[in-house]
Protein backbone atom coordinates (compact mmCIF):
# COMPACT_ATOMS: atom_id res chain seq x y z
CA UNK A 1 153.33 109.58 52.23
CA UNK A 2 154.76 106.52 53.99
CA UNK A 3 151.26 105.61 55.26
CA UNK A 4 149.88 105.72 51.72
CA UNK A 5 152.67 103.50 50.41
CA UNK A 6 152.15 101.08 53.32
CA UNK A 7 148.39 100.91 52.66
CA UNK A 8 148.94 100.37 48.95
CA UNK A 9 151.46 97.62 49.70
CA UNK A 10 149.01 95.85 52.00
CA UNK A 11 146.24 96.07 49.38
CA UNK A 12 148.62 94.80 46.69
CA UNK A 13 149.78 91.82 48.77
CA UNK A 14 146.20 91.01 49.78
CA UNK A 15 145.15 91.09 46.11
CA UNK A 16 147.96 88.70 45.19
CA UNK A 17 147.11 86.26 47.98
CA UNK A 18 143.32 86.33 47.60
CA UNK A 19 143.16 83.61 44.89
CA UNK A 20 144.88 81.19 47.27
CA UNK A 21 141.94 81.37 49.66
CA UNK A 22 139.14 81.04 47.10
CA UNK A 23 137.85 77.56 46.22
CA UNK A 24 139.08 76.27 42.90
CA UNK A 25 136.53 75.80 40.16
CA UNK A 26 135.81 72.12 39.81
CA UNK A 27 132.89 70.04 38.61
CA UNK A 28 131.84 69.46 42.22
CA UNK A 29 131.67 73.21 42.91
CA UNK A 30 129.86 74.20 39.74
CA UNK A 31 126.11 74.21 39.48
CA UNK A 32 125.38 73.16 35.97
CA UNK A 33 122.15 73.21 34.07
CA UNK A 34 121.18 71.44 30.89
CA UNK A 35 123.93 71.27 28.28
CA UNK A 36 122.47 71.71 24.81
CA UNK A 37 124.41 70.06 21.98
CA UNK A 38 125.08 72.07 18.86
CA UNK A 39 124.74 69.16 16.47
CA UNK A 40 122.59 68.52 13.42
CA UNK A 41 119.27 66.72 13.62
CA UNK A 42 120.73 63.71 11.79
CA UNK A 43 123.64 63.56 14.23
CA UNK A 44 121.18 63.77 17.16
CA UNK A 45 119.21 60.83 15.73
CA UNK A 46 122.43 58.83 15.31
CA UNK A 47 123.55 59.60 18.87
CA UNK A 48 120.08 58.76 20.16
CA UNK A 49 120.32 55.34 18.56
CA UNK A 50 123.93 54.59 19.52
CA UNK A 51 123.62 55.85 23.11
CA UNK A 52 120.06 54.54 23.60
CA UNK A 53 118.80 57.96 24.69
CA UNK A 54 115.75 60.03 23.82
CA UNK A 55 116.17 63.46 22.25
CA UNK A 56 114.93 66.50 24.17
CA UNK A 57 114.19 69.49 21.93
CA UNK A 58 113.48 72.95 23.34
CA UNK A 59 111.99 75.11 20.57
CA UNK A 60 112.29 78.86 21.14
CA UNK A 61 112.36 82.15 19.26
CA UNK A 62 114.41 85.31 19.76
CA UNK A 63 111.34 87.36 20.70
CA UNK A 64 109.82 84.87 23.18
CA UNK A 65 110.06 86.27 26.71
CA UNK A 66 109.01 83.01 28.36
CA UNK A 67 111.72 81.19 26.38
CA UNK A 68 114.34 83.61 27.72
CA UNK A 69 113.00 83.12 31.25
CA UNK A 70 113.28 79.34 30.91
CA UNK A 71 116.82 79.64 29.58
CA UNK A 72 117.78 81.88 32.49
CA UNK A 73 115.94 80.05 35.30
CA UNK A 74 114.95 76.52 34.31
CA UNK A 75 117.59 75.27 31.89
CA UNK A 76 120.41 76.68 34.05
CA UNK A 77 119.17 74.88 37.19
CA UNK A 78 121.19 71.92 38.48
CA UNK A 79 118.14 69.74 39.16
CA UNK A 80 117.03 69.23 35.54
CA UNK A 81 120.68 69.45 34.46
CA UNK A 82 121.58 66.29 36.37
CA UNK A 83 118.79 64.29 34.76
CA UNK A 84 118.80 65.70 31.25
CA UNK A 85 122.59 65.69 30.75
CA UNK A 86 122.73 62.02 31.70
CA UNK A 87 119.58 60.66 30.07
CA UNK A 88 118.85 62.77 26.95
CA UNK A 89 120.44 64.24 23.83
CA UNK A 90 119.53 67.93 24.38
CA UNK A 91 118.87 70.37 21.54
CA UNK A 92 117.83 74.02 21.77
CA UNK A 93 116.47 75.17 18.41
CA UNK A 94 115.28 78.53 17.14
CA UNK A 95 111.96 77.74 15.47
CA UNK A 96 112.41 80.58 12.99
CA UNK A 97 115.91 79.82 11.71
CA UNK A 98 117.74 77.07 9.85
CA UNK A 99 117.18 73.48 10.85
CA UNK A 100 115.06 74.63 13.80
CA UNK A 101 112.55 76.16 11.38
CA UNK A 102 112.40 72.97 9.33
CA UNK A 103 111.86 70.80 12.39
CA UNK A 104 109.29 73.20 13.84
CA UNK A 105 107.31 72.81 10.61
CA UNK A 106 107.64 69.01 10.64
CA UNK A 107 106.49 68.81 14.27
CA UNK A 108 103.82 71.51 13.82
CA UNK A 109 105.27 73.74 16.53
CA UNK A 110 103.08 76.84 16.93
CA UNK A 111 103.62 77.95 20.55
CA UNK A 112 106.80 78.87 22.35
CA UNK A 113 108.46 77.42 24.18
CA UNK A 114 107.58 73.95 22.93
CA UNK A 115 109.41 71.03 24.49
CA UNK A 116 109.51 67.68 22.68
CA UNK A 117 110.84 64.29 23.69
CA UNK A 118 111.61 62.30 20.55
CA UNK A 119 112.88 58.75 20.00
CA UNK A 120 115.63 57.67 17.59
CA UNK A 121 113.05 57.27 14.81
CA UNK A 122 111.97 60.90 15.16
CA UNK A 123 108.64 60.01 16.79
CA UNK A 124 107.32 62.31 19.52
CA UNK A 125 107.03 60.47 22.85
CA UNK A 126 105.87 63.45 24.93
CA UNK A 127 105.54 67.21 24.66
CA UNK A 128 104.84 70.32 26.70
CA UNK A 129 104.30 73.97 25.88
CA UNK A 130 104.69 77.12 27.91
CA UNK A 131 106.80 77.86 30.96
CA UNK A 132 108.10 74.93 33.00
CA UNK A 133 109.99 75.54 36.21
CA UNK A 134 112.95 73.32 37.15
CA UNK A 135 110.86 70.97 39.29
CA UNK A 136 108.16 70.49 36.63
CA UNK A 137 110.69 69.98 33.86
CA UNK A 138 112.53 67.39 35.95
CA UNK A 139 109.25 65.60 36.70
CA UNK A 140 108.37 65.67 33.00
CA UNK A 141 111.74 64.15 32.11
CA UNK A 142 111.33 61.45 34.76
CA UNK A 143 107.83 60.58 33.55
CA UNK A 144 109.10 60.18 29.99
CA UNK A 145 111.78 57.77 31.19
CA UNK A 146 109.44 55.74 33.41
CA UNK A 147 108.51 52.31 32.00
């Protein structure tokens, strides 16, 4: 019985001390992907103008398997995250719901995922459809920004 109590005590103390030895969560330790703003289209256009940034729109649907794969693998990757979070206003829109549906109709979006780069006037600067891995998406973003 004493051995069991001793073992339980050791496990309990170890459990209490474990957080002291784990690295604290900080921006340097986190790998962050693209942060998508949950703002209206009009607000995105205003921010685009005031911050002198292009708007990146990722159109998706609930049923699109490739869209889910991009969300899981590409958009969560640190490489495009570093570029897109700094240089673009990022929107992820469901092309079958709400404002996403309206914009998908305006921009004639028919395939998913569709990625658009839009200026502060709402004009499409560049686009891509289908799966893009992190490297290709980063290269696409860089090419849009190149003079």
